[in-house]
Structure formats: C-alpha cells, structure tokens
Amino acid sequence: MYVKFIGAGICFVLSLFNVLGAMQRVPIKTSVGDSSRPAVAMMKPPGANLNWLSGGVFFAASISLIAWAIWEYNSNIDIGIDSTEVPITPLTPSMPKPTVKN
C-alpha cells in the first residue's frame, strides 16, 4: 500500500513539472514598424501540448494509484486481514525428517 502512495506522489510531482513546463512562455522581442520600443510577444514552446498531455496522464496515474491503494486496504479489512495485527516473522522452511532404514 505504501509503495502505491510513493508511486502516486512521484506521478503527481511529474505531472506538476509537465504542467508547469507547458505554462512557460518564451518571450520573443519583435519590433513593430518604426517604433523605438520593441514589443514582446509571448509564444508557446513547441512541445506545450505534449506537456499538457503527459501531465494529465501522470495526474490520472497518481489518482488511480491512490484509489487502488485505498481499495486494496478496504478489501483486506473486509476479508479480515488487518496490517496492524499481522505478526511479522521470518519464514523458515520446515526441516525434513530423516528417514532411518533398518
């Protein structure tokens, strides 16, 4: 469950980076006519649409990972498995009994 929450956090951060990258504008100075003051045009970088798309995909992945973790936790409680009551003991294989031939 915690691994899913960590993955959701990573996906959410990636979605923020992608959306913030899509919101960036590149200022380009252009001169209008014979004006002494150049105007600044704000243009989108060429990959802005891809940034929005990948940001949306990462955001959807983070929401689905959180929903999956909550669903898994609730279904384990319904079955009767509570993670706080399960003893954490190492698994040791049973030793085979030696066969004695007479």
PDB file of N, CA and C in Angstrom:
ATOM      1  N   MET A   1       0.829  -1.184   0.000  1.00  0.00           N
ATOM      2  CA  MET A   1       0.000   0.000   0.000  1.00  0.00           C
ATOM      3  C   MET A   1       0.880   1.257   0.000  1.00  0.00           C
ATOM      4  N   TYR A   2       1.934   1.244   0.814  1.00  0.00           N
ATOM      5  CA  TYR A   2       2.790   2.425   0.893  1.00  0.00           C
ATOM      6  C   TYR A   2       3.564   2.642  -0.403  1.00  0.00           C
ATOM      7  N   VAL A   3       3.887   1.541  -1.081  1.00  0.00           N
ATOM      8  CA  VAL A   3       4.582   1.666  -2.363  1.00  0.00           C
ATOM      9  C   VAL A   3       3.694   2.383  -3.373  1.00  0.00           C
ATOM     10  N   LYS A   4       2.399   2.100  -3.329  1.00  0.00           N
ATOM     11  CA  LYS A   4       1.462   2.774  -4.235  1.00  0.00           C
ATOM     12  C   LYS A   4       1.372   4.267  -3.910  1.00  0.00           C
ATOM     13  N   PHE A   5       1.390   4.607  -2.624  1.00  0.00           N
ATOM     14  CA  PHE A   5       1.353   6.025  -2.251  1.00  0.00           C
ATOM     15  C   PHE A   5       2.632   6.751  -2.687  1.00  0.00           C
ATOM     16  N   ILE A   6       3.766   6.082  -2.570  1.00  0.00           N
ATOM     17  CA  ILE A   6       5.018   6.689  -3.029  1.00  0.00           C
ATOM     18  C   ILE A   6       4.980   6.876  -4.542  1.00  0.00           C
ATOM     19  N   GLY A   7       4.491   5.862  -5.260  1.00  0.00           N
ATOM     20  CA  GLY A   7       4.351   5.984  -6.711  1.00  0.00           C
ATOM     21  C   GLY A   7       3.392   7.085  -7.101  1.00  0.00           C
ATOM     22  N   ALA A   8       2.312   7.231  -6.331  1.00  0.00           N
ATOM     23  CA  ALA A   8       1.351   8.303  -6.614  1.00  0.00           C
ATOM     24  C   ALA A   8       1.991   9.666  -6.397  1.00  0.00           C
ATOM     25  N   GLY A   9       2.801   9.787  -5.363  1.00  0.00           N
ATOM     26  CA  GLY A   9       3.495  11.054  -5.130  1.00  0.00           C
ATOM     27  C   GLY A   9       4.468  11.392  -6.246  1.00  0.00           C
ATOM     28  N   ILE A  10       5.193  10.388  -6.723  1.00  0.00           N
ATOM     29  CA  ILE A  10       6.123  10.615  -7.834  1.00  0.00           C
ATOM     30  C   ILE A  10       5.366  11.019  -9.091  1.00  0.00           C
ATOM     31  N   CYS A  11       4.257  10.330  -9.383  1.00  0.00           N
ATOM     32  CA  CYS A  11       3.455  10.679 -10.562  1.00  0.00           C
ATOM     33  C   CYS A  11       2.886  12.088 -10.443  1.00  0.00           C
ATOM     34  N   PHE A  12       2.473  12.464  -9.232  1.00  0.00           N
ATOM     35  CA  PHE A  12       1.914  13.807  -9.052  1.00  0.00           C
ATOM     36  C   PHE A  12       2.981  14.880  -9.268  1.00  0.00           C
ATOM     37  N   VAL A  13       4.179  14.635  -8.760  1.00  0.00           N
ATOM     38  CA  VAL A  13       5.266  15.603  -8.955  1.00  0.00           C
ATOM     39  C   VAL A  13       5.622  15.709 -10.437  1.00  0.00           C
ATOM     40  N   LEU A  14       5.653  14.566 -11.134  1.00  0.00           N
ATOM     41  CA  LEU A  14       5.932  14.607 -12.570  1.00  0.00           C
ATOM     42  C   LEU A  14       4.850  15.363 -13.324  1.00  0.00           C
ATOM     43  N   SER A  15       3.594  15.183 -12.902  1.00  0.00           N
ATOM     44  CA  SER A  15       2.516  15.918 -13.574  1.00  0.00           C
ATOM     45  C   SER A  15       2.658  17.420 -13.332  1.00  0.00           C
ATOM     46  N   LEU A  16       3.073  17.804 -12.120  1.00  0.00           N
ATOM     47  CA  LEU A  16       3.290  19.232 -11.856  1.00  0.00           C
ATOM     48  C   LEU A  16       4.404  19.803 -12.724  1.00  0.00           C
ATOM     49  N   PHE A  17       5.496  19.042 -12.847  1.00  0.00           N
ATOM     50  CA  PHE A  17       6.596  19.521 -13.683  1.00  0.00           C
ATOM     51  C   PHE A  17       6.163  19.673 -15.133  1.00  0.00           C
ATOM     52  N   ASN A  18       5.377  18.719 -15.627  1.00  0.00           N
ATOM     53  CA  ASN A  18       4.944  18.796 -17.019  1.00  0.00           C
ATOM     54  C   ASN A  18       3.991  19.954 -17.241  1.00  0.00           C
ATOM     55  N   VAL A  19       3.065  20.160 -16.316  1.00  0.00           N
ATOM     56  CA  VAL A  19       2.103  21.254 -16.482  1.00  0.00           C
ATOM     57  C   VAL A  19       2.805  22.602 -16.346  1.00  0.00           C
ATOM     58  N   LEU A  20       3.739  22.699 -15.400  1.00  0.00           N
ATOM     59  CA  LEU A  20       4.486  23.953 -15.273  1.00  0.00           C
ATOM     60  C   LEU A  20       5.343  24.215 -16.509  1.00  0.00           C
ATOM     61  N   GLY A  21       5.864  23.149 -17.104  1.00  0.00           N
ATOM     62  CA  GLY A  21       6.615  23.313 -18.346  1.00  0.00           C
ATOM     63  C   GLY A  21       5.724  23.749 -19.488  1.00  0.00           C
ATOM     64  N   ALA A  22       4.480  23.308 -19.492  1.00  0.00           N
ATOM     65  CA  ALA A  22       3.550  23.705 -20.548  1.00  0.00           C
ATOM     66  C   ALA A  22       3.109  25.144 -20.375  1.00  0.00           C
ATOM     67  N   MET A  23       3.128  25.645 -19.137  1.00  0.00           N
ATOM     68  CA  MET A  23       2.663  27.008 -18.899  1.00  0.00           C
ATOM     69  C   MET A  23       3.751  28.045 -19.170  1.00  0.00           C
ATOM     70  N   GLN A  24       4.978  27.602 -19.363  1.00  0.00           N
ATOM     71  CA  GLN A  24       6.050  28.552 -19.644  1.00  0.00           C
ATOM     72  C   GLN A  24       5.816  29.217 -20.992  1.00  0.00           C
ATOM     73  N   ARG A  25       6.211  30.446 -21.085  1.00  0.00           N
ATOM     74  CA  ARG A  25       6.134  31.177 -22.346  1.00  0.00           C
ATOM     75  C   ARG A  25       7.539  31.676 -22.682  1.00  0.00           C
ATOM     76  N   VAL A  26       7.852  31.678 -23.934  1.00  0.00           N
ATOM     77  CA  VAL A  26       9.154  32.158 -24.370  1.00  0.00           C
ATOM     78  C   VAL A  26       8.981  33.568 -24.913  1.00  0.00           C
ATOM     79  N   PRO A  27       9.575  34.568 -24.261  1.00  0.00           N
ATOM     80  CA  PRO A  27       9.426  35.932 -24.791  1.00  0.00           C
ATOM     81  C   PRO A  27      10.299  36.132 -26.028  1.00  0.00           C
ATOM     82  N   ILE A  28       9.705  36.693 -27.052  1.00  0.00           N
ATOM     83  CA  ILE A  28      10.426  36.990 -28.287  1.00  0.00           C
ATOM     84  C   ILE A  28      10.220  38.467 -28.585  1.00  0.00           C
ATOM     85  N   LYS A  29      11.322  39.185 -28.719  1.00  0.00           N
ATOM     86  CA  LYS A  29      11.215  40.625 -28.987  1.00  0.00           C
ATOM     87  C   LYS A  29      10.931  40.845 -30.467  1.00  0.00           C
ATOM     88  N   THR A  30       9.928  41.625 -30.731  1.00  0.00           N
ATOM     89  CA  THR A  30       9.596  41.975 -32.115  1.00  0.00           C
ATOM     90  C   THR A  30       9.466  43.481 -32.200  1.00  0.00           C
ATOM     91  N   SER A  31       9.892  44.031 -33.296  1.00  0.00           N
ATOM     92  CA  SER A  31       9.739  45.475 -33.481  1.00  0.00           C
ATOM     93  C   SER A  31       8.543  45.733 -34.387  1.00  0.00           C
ATOM     94  N   VAL A  32       7.713  46.657 -33.981  1.00  0.00           N
ATOM     95  CA  VAL A  32       6.517  46.984 -34.744  1.00  0.00           C
ATOM     96  C   VAL A  32       6.774  48.294 -35.490  1.00  0.00           C
ATOM     97  N   GLY A  33       6.827  48.225 -36.811  1.00  0.00           N
ATOM     98  CA  GLY A  33       7.012  49.429 -37.626  1.00  0.00           C
ATOM     99  C   GLY A  33       8.318  50.131 -37.307  1.00  0.00           C
ATOM    100  N   ASP A  34       8.262  51.432 -37.150  1.00  0.00           N
ATOM    101  CA  ASP A  34       9.463  52.210 -36.849  1.00  0.00           C
ATOM    102  C   ASP A  34       9.493  52.658 -35.389  1.00  0.00           C
ATOM    103  N   SER A  35       8.802  51.901 -34.540  1.00  0.00           N
ATOM    104  CA  SER A  35       8.758  52.253 -33.127  1.00  0.00           C
ATOM    105  C   SER A  35      10.128  52.031 -32.497  1.00  0.00           C
ATOM    106  N   SER A  36      10.481  52.888 -31.570  1.00  0.00           N
ATOM    107  CA  SER A  36      11.771  52.738 -30.900  1.00  0.00           C
ATOM    108  C   SER A  36      11.703  51.704 -29.773  1.00  0.00           C
ATOM    109  N   ARG A  37      10.481  51.426 -29.287  1.00  0.00           N
ATOM    110  CA  ARG A  37      10.323  50.419 -28.227  1.00  0.00           C
ATOM    111  C   ARG A  37       9.873  49.100 -28.838  1.00  0.00           C
ATOM    112  N   PRO A  38      10.641  48.035 -28.664  1.00  0.00           N
ATOM    113  CA  PRO A  38      10.196  46.753 -29.217  1.00  0.00           C
ATOM    114  C   PRO A  38       9.078  46.159 -28.356  1.00  0.00           C
ATOM    115  N   ALA A  39       8.118  45.557 -29.007  1.00  0.00           N
ATOM    116  CA  ALA A  39       7.048  44.862 -28.289  1.00  0.00           C
ATOM    117  C   ALA A  39       7.511  43.437 -27.990  1.00  0.00           C
ATOM    118  N   VAL A  40       6.980  42.854 -26.948  1.00  0.00           N
ATOM    119  CA  VAL A  40       7.352  41.486 -26.580  1.00  0.00           C
ATOM    120  C   VAL A  40       6.155  40.590 -26.824  1.00  0.00           C
ATOM    121  N   ALA A  41       6.337  39.623 -27.696  1.00  0.00           N
ATOM    122  CA  ALA A  41       5.273  38.665 -27.988  1.00  0.00           C
ATOM    123  C   ALA A  41       5.521  37.415 -27.162  1.00  0.00           C
ATOM    124  N   MET A  42       4.477  36.906 -26.542  1.00  0.00           N
ATOM    125  CA  MET A  42       4.609  35.689 -25.744  1.00  0.00           C
ATOM    126  C   MET A  42       4.181  34.510 -26.608  1.00  0.00           C
ATOM    127  N   MET A  43       5.089  33.579 -26.805  1.00  0.00           N
ATOM    128  CA  MET A  43       4.796  32.427 -27.653  1.00  0.00           C
ATOM    129  C   MET A  43       4.965  31.149 -26.854  1.00  0.00           C
ATOM    130  N   LYS A  44       4.183  30.150 -27.231  1.00  0.00           N
ATOM    131  CA  LYS A  44       4.295  28.849 -26.575  1.00  0.00           C
ATOM    132  C   LYS A  44       5.514  28.108 -27.122  1.00  0.00           C
ATOM    133  N   PRO A  45       6.192  27.357 -26.281  1.00  0.00           N
ATOM    134  CA  PRO A  45       7.242  26.495 -26.805  1.00  0.00           C
ATOM    135  C   PRO A  45       6.613  25.381 -27.646  1.00  0.00           C
ATOM    136  N   PRO A  46       7.377  24.767 -28.538  1.00  0.00           N
ATOM    137  CA  PRO A  46       6.773  23.808 -29.464  1.00  0.00           C
ATOM    138  C   PRO A  46       6.171  22.564 -28.811  1.00  0.00           C
ATOM    139  N   GLY A  47       6.659  22.133 -27.644  1.00  0.00           N
ATOM    140  CA  GLY A  47       6.146  20.910 -27.039  1.00  0.00           C
ATOM    141  C   GLY A  47       5.107  21.128 -25.970  1.00  0.00           C
ATOM    142  N   ALA A  48       4.421  22.270 -25.967  1.00  0.00           N
ATOM    143  CA  ALA A  48       3.495  22.594 -24.876  1.00  0.00           C
ATOM    144  C   ALA A  48       2.319  21.630 -24.823  1.00  0.00           C
ATOM    145  N   ASN A  49       1.769  21.258 -25.978  1.00  0.00           N
ATOM    146  CA  ASN A  49       0.625  20.340 -25.974  1.00  0.00           C
ATOM    147  C   ASN A  49       1.017  18.971 -25.440  1.00  0.00           C
ATOM    148  N   LEU A  50       2.215  18.521 -25.775  1.00  0.00           N
ATOM    149  CA  LEU A  50       2.684  17.238 -25.262  1.00  0.00           C
ATOM    150  C   LEU A  50       2.878  17.305 -23.752  1.00  0.00           C
ATOM    151  N   ASN A  51       3.335  18.445 -23.246  1.00  0.00           N
ATOM    152  CA  ASN A  51       3.493  18.598 -21.796  1.00  0.00           C
ATOM    153  C   ASN A  51       2.148  18.526 -21.088  1.00  0.00           C
ATOM    154  N   TRP A  52       1.123  19.157 -21.656  1.00  0.00           N
ATOM    155  CA  TRP A  52      -0.208  19.088 -21.055  1.00  0.00           C
ATOM    156  C   TRP A  52      -0.710  17.649 -21.052  1.00  0.00           C
ATOM    157  N   LEU A  53      -0.488  16.937 -22.165  1.00  0.00           N
ATOM    158  CA  LEU A  53      -0.968  15.560 -22.269  1.00  0.00           C
ATOM    159  C   LEU A  53      -0.268  14.659 -21.260  1.00  0.00           C
ATOM    160  N   SER A  54       1.061  14.735 -21.205  1.00  0.00           N
ATOM    161  CA  SER A  54       1.783  13.871 -20.272  1.00  0.00           C
ATOM    162  C   SER A  54       1.509  14.273 -18.825  1.00  0.00           C
ATOM    163  N   GLY A  55       1.296  15.569 -18.581  1.00  0.00           N
ATOM    164  CA  GLY A  55       0.926  15.990 -17.228  1.00  0.00           C
ATOM    165  C   GLY A  55      -0.405  15.410 -16.811  1.00  0.00           C
ATOM    166  N   GLY A  56      -1.359  15.391 -17.734  1.00  0.00           N
ATOM    167  CA  GLY A  56      -2.664  14.788 -17.442  1.00  0.00           C
ATOM    168  C   GLY A  56      -2.570  13.296 -17.213  1.00  0.00           C
ATOM    169  N   VAL A  57      -1.715  12.631 -17.985  1.00  0.00           N
ATOM    170  CA  VAL A  57      -1.542  11.182 -17.820  1.00  0.00           C
ATOM    171  C   VAL A  57      -0.930  10.877 -16.459  1.00  0.00           C
ATOM    172  N   PHE A  58       0.097  11.624 -16.069  1.00  0.00           N
ATOM    173  CA  PHE A  58       0.718  11.392 -14.762  1.00  0.00           C
ATOM    174  C   PHE A  58      -0.245  11.720 -13.623  1.00  0.00           C
ATOM    175  N   PHE A  59      -1.067  12.751 -13.791  1.00  0.00           N
ATOM    176  CA  PHE A  59      -2.039  13.089 -12.753  1.00  0.00           C
ATOM    177  C   PHE A  59      -3.083  11.984 -12.623  1.00  0.00           C
ATOM    178  N   ALA A  60      -3.564  11.464 -13.750  1.00  0.00           N
ATOM    179  CA  ALA A  60      -4.525  10.357 -13.707  1.00  0.00           C
ATOM    180  C   ALA A  60      -3.899   9.117 -13.081  1.00  0.00           C
ATOM    181  N   ALA A  61      -2.626   8.879 -13.361  1.00  0.00           N
ATOM    182  CA  ALA A  61      -1.944   7.732 -12.760  1.00  0.00           C
ATOM    183  C   ALA A  61      -1.828   7.893 -11.251  1.00  0.00           C
ATOM    184  N   SER A  62      -1.557   9.102 -10.782  1.00  0.00           N
ATOM    185  CA  SER A  62      -1.443   9.301  -9.332  1.00  0.00           C
ATOM    186  C   SER A  62      -2.789   9.092  -8.647  1.00  0.00           C
ATOM    187  N   ILE A  63      -3.867   9.596  -9.254  1.00  0.00           N
ATOM    188  CA  ILE A  63      -5.199   9.404  -8.671  1.00  0.00           C
ATOM    189  C   ILE A  63      -5.569   7.926  -8.664  1.00  0.00           C
ATOM    190  N   SER A  64      -5.267   7.216  -9.752  1.00  0.00           N
ATOM    191  CA  SER A  64      -5.631   5.797  -9.805  1.00  0.00           C
ATOM    192  C   SER A  64      -4.801   4.969  -8.829  1.00  0.00           C
ATOM    193  N   LEU A  65      -3.537   5.320  -8.616  1.00  0.00           N
ATOM    194  CA  LEU A  65      -2.732   4.590  -7.630  1.00  0.00           C
ATOM    195  C   LEU A  65      -3.259   4.800  -6.216  1.00  0.00           C
ATOM    196  N   ILE A  66      -3.679   6.016  -5.902  1.00  0.00           N
ATOM    197  CA  ILE A  66      -4.255   6.276  -4.582  1.00  0.00           C
ATOM    198  C   ILE A  66      -5.557   5.503  -4.414  1.00  0.00           C
ATOM    199  N   ALA A  67      -6.397   5.510  -5.444  1.00  0.00           N
ATOM    200  CA  ALA A  67      -7.666   4.773  -5.374  1.00  0.00           C
ATOM    201  C   ALA A  67      -7.415   3.279  -5.235  1.00  0.00           C
ATOM    202  N   TRP A  68      -6.417   2.754  -5.942  1.00  0.00           N
ATOM    203  CA  TRP A  68      -6.094   1.332  -5.862  1.00  0.00           C
ATOM    204  C   TRP A  68      -5.608   0.977  -4.458  1.00  0.00           C
ATOM    205  N   ALA A  69      -4.778   1.819  -3.861  1.00  0.00           N
ATOM    206  CA  ALA A  69      -4.278   1.543  -2.513  1.00  0.00           C
ATOM    207  C   ALA A  69      -5.414   1.557  -1.498  1.00  0.00           C
ATOM    208  N   ILE A  70      -6.329   2.518  -1.614  1.00  0.00           N
ATOM    209  CA  ILE A  70      -7.467   2.578  -0.687  1.00  0.00           C
ATOM    210  C   ILE A  70      -8.377   1.376  -0.886  1.00  0.00           C
ATOM    211  N   TRP A  71      -8.627   1.002  -2.150  1.00  0.00           N
ATOM    212  CA  TRP A  71      -9.485  -0.157  -2.425  1.00  0.00           C
ATOM    213  C   TRP A  71      -8.862  -1.431  -1.873  1.00  0.00           C
ATOM    214  N   GLU A  72      -7.545  -1.592  -2.056  1.00  0.00           N
ATOM    215  CA  GLU A  72      -6.869  -2.785  -1.557  1.00  0.00           C
ATOM    216  C   GLU A  72      -6.908  -2.829  -0.027  1.00  0.00           C
ATOM    217  N   TYR A  73      -6.716  -1.692   0.619  1.00  0.00           N
ATOM    218  CA  TYR A  73      -6.764  -1.637   2.080  1.00  0.00           C
ATOM    219  C   TYR A  73      -8.155  -2.010   2.581  1.00  0.00           C
ATOM    220  N   ASN A  74      -9.196  -1.456   1.951  1.00  0.00           N
ATOM    221  CA  ASN A  74     -10.564  -1.757   2.372  1.00  0.00           C
ATOM    222  C   ASN A  74     -10.931  -3.208   2.109  1.00  0.00           C
ATOM    223  N   SER A  75     -10.483  -3.775   0.994  1.00  0.00           N
ATOM    224  CA  SER A  75     -10.821  -5.168   0.712  1.00  0.00           C
ATOM    225  C   SER A  75     -10.096  -6.109   1.669  1.00  0.00           C
ATOM    226  N   ASN A  76      -8.884  -5.749   2.099  1.00  0.00           N
ATOM    227  CA  ASN A  76      -8.183  -6.575   3.080  1.00  0.00           C
ATOM    228  C   ASN A  76      -8.887  -6.527   4.433  1.00  0.00           C
ATOM    229  N   ILE A  77      -9.436  -5.378   4.805  1.00  0.00           N
ATOM    230  CA  ILE A  77     -10.178  -5.282   6.062  1.00  0.00           C
ATOM    231  C   ILE A  77     -11.455  -6.117   5.979  1.00  0.00           C
ATOM    232  N   ASP A  78     -12.126  -6.104   4.807  1.00  0.00           N
ATOM    233  CA  ASP A  78     -13.337  -6.906   4.635  1.00  0.00           C
ATOM    234  C   ASP A  78     -13.046  -8.391   4.775  1.00  0.00           C
ATOM    235  N   ILE A  79     -11.888  -8.818   4.297  1.00  0.00           N
ATOM    236  CA  ILE A  79     -11.517 -10.233   4.404  1.00  0.00           C
ATOM    237  C   ILE A  79     -11.166 -10.584   5.843  1.00  0.00           C
ATOM    238  N   GLY A  80     -10.712  -9.614   6.593  1.00  0.00           N
ATOM    239  CA  GLY A  80     -10.328  -9.853   7.977  1.00  0.00           C
ATOM    240  C   GLY A  80      -8.842  -9.726   8.205  1.00  0.00           C
ATOM    241  N   ILE A  81      -8.129  -9.249   7.215  1.00  0.00           N
ATOM    242  CA  ILE A  81      -6.687  -9.055   7.356  1.00  0.00           C
ATOM    243  C   ILE A  81      -6.449  -7.605   7.748  1.00  0.00           C
ATOM    244  N   ASP A  82      -5.875  -7.413   8.909  1.00  0.00           N
ATOM    245  CA  ASP A  82      -5.524  -6.064   9.340  1.00  0.00           C
ATOM    246  C   ASP A  82      -4.008  -5.996   9.436  1.00  0.00           C
ATOM    247  N   SER A  83      -3.437  -5.028   8.787  1.00  0.00           N
ATOM    248  CA  SER A  83      -1.978  -4.969   8.727  1.00  0.00           C
ATOM    249  C   SER A  83      -1.356  -4.692  10.089  1.00  0.00           C
ATOM    250  N   THR A  84      -2.123  -4.164  11.038  1.00  0.00           N
ATOM    251  CA  THR A  84      -1.549  -3.895  12.354  1.00  0.00           C
ATOM    252  C   THR A  84      -1.515  -5.144  13.220  1.00  0.00           C
ATOM    253  N   GLU A  85      -2.323  -6.142  12.886  1.00  0.00           N
ATOM    254  CA  GLU A  85      -2.382  -7.348  13.711  1.00  0.00           C
ATOM    255  C   GLU A  85      -1.539  -8.489  13.164  1.00  0.00           C
ATOM    256  N   VAL A  86      -1.058  -8.375  11.952  1.00  0.00           N
ATOM    257  CA  VAL A  86      -0.303  -9.465  11.346  1.00  0.00           C
ATOM    258  C   VAL A  86       1.103  -9.469  11.934  1.00  0.00           C
ATOM    259  N   PRO A  87       1.500 -10.588  12.548  1.00  0.00           N
ATOM    260  CA  PRO A  87       2.862 -10.643  13.083  1.00  0.00           C
ATOM    261  C   PRO A  87       3.866 -10.756  11.935  1.00  0.00           C
ATOM    262  N   ILE A  88       4.921 -10.009  12.043  1.00  0.00           N
ATOM    263  CA  ILE A  88       5.953 -10.057  11.009  1.00  0.00           C
ATOM    264  C   ILE A  88       7.050 -10.982  11.510  1.00  0.00           C
ATOM    265  N   THR A  89       7.004 -12.212  11.065  1.00  0.00           N
ATOM    266  CA  THR A  89       8.011 -13.195  11.449  1.00  0.00           C
ATOM    267  C   THR A  89       8.666 -13.708  10.180  1.00  0.00           C
ATOM    268  N   PRO A  90       9.928 -14.004  10.248  1.00  0.00           N
ATOM    269  CA  PRO A  90      10.588 -14.526   9.052  1.00  0.00           C
ATOM    270  C   PRO A  90      10.088 -15.929   8.731  1.00  0.00           C
ATOM    271  N   LEU A  91       9.979 -16.194   7.455  1.00  0.00           N
ATOM    272  CA  LEU A  91       9.549 -17.518   7.031  1.00  0.00           C
ATOM    273  C   LEU A  91      10.745 -18.454   7.061  1.00  0.00           C
ATOM    274  N   THR A  92      10.594 -19.559   7.800  1.00  0.00           N
ATOM    275  CA  THR A  92      11.658 -20.557   7.840  1.00  0.00           C
ATOM    276  C   THR A  92      11.094 -21.856   7.293  1.00  0.00           C
ATOM    277  N   PRO A  93      11.806 -22.469   6.394  1.00  0.00           N
ATOM    278  CA  PRO A  93      11.297 -23.731   5.841  1.00  0.00           C
ATOM    279  C   PRO A  93      11.363 -24.829   6.891  1.00  0.00           C
ATOM    280  N   SER A  94      10.422 -25.738   6.807  1.00  0.00           N
ATOM    281  CA  SER A  94      10.420 -26.848   7.767  1.00  0.00           C
ATOM    282  C   SER A  94      11.537 -27.819   7.402  1.00  0.00           C
ATOM    283  N   MET A  95      12.168 -28.337   8.436  1.00  0.00           N
ATOM    284  CA  MET A  95      13.274 -29.270   8.224  1.00  0.00           C
ATOM    285  C   MET A  95      12.714 -30.653   7.928  1.00  0.00           C
ATOM    286  N   PRO A  96      13.214 -31.285   6.903  1.00  0.00           N
ATOM    287  CA  PRO A  96      12.714 -32.642   6.615  1.00  0.00           C
ATOM    288  C   PRO A  96      13.198 -33.627   7.680  1.00  0.00           C
ATOM    289  N   LYS A  97      12.336 -34.564   8.006  1.00  0.00           N
ATOM    290  CA  LYS A  97      12.710 -35.582   8.991  1.00  0.00           C
ATOM    291  C   LYS A  97      13.544 -36.656   8.292  1.00  0.00           C
ATOM    292  N   PRO A  98      14.651 -36.987   8.905  1.00  0.00           N
ATOM    293  CA  PRO A  98      15.487 -38.023   8.259  1.00  0.00           C
ATOM    294  C   PRO A  98      14.803 -39.385   8.353  1.00  0.00           C
ATOM    295  N   THR A  99      14.901 -40.109   7.279  1.00  0.00           N
ATOM    296  CA  THR A  99      14.333 -41.465   7.282  1.00  0.00           C
ATOM    297  C   THR A  99      15.431 -42.432   7.705  1.00  0.00           C
ATOM    298  N   VAL A 100      15.092 -43.280   8.659  1.00  0.00           N
ATOM    299  CA  VAL A 100      16.054 -44.251   9.182  1.00  0.00           C
ATOM    300  C   VAL A 100      15.707 -45.606   8.598  1.00  0.00           C
ATOM    301  N   LYS A 101      16.685 -46.208   7.899  1.00  0.00           N
ATOM    302  CA  LYS A 101      16.472 -47.533   7.308  1.00  0.00           C
ATOM    303  C   LYS A 101      17.119 -48.580   8.215  1.00  0.00           C
ATOM    304  N   ASN A 102      16.357 -49.650   8.478  1.00  0.00           N
ATOM    305  CA  ASN A 102      16.885 -50.736   9.329  1.00  0.00           C
ATOM    306  C   ASN A 102      17.387 -51.864   8.502  1.00  0.00           C
TER     307      ASN A 102
END
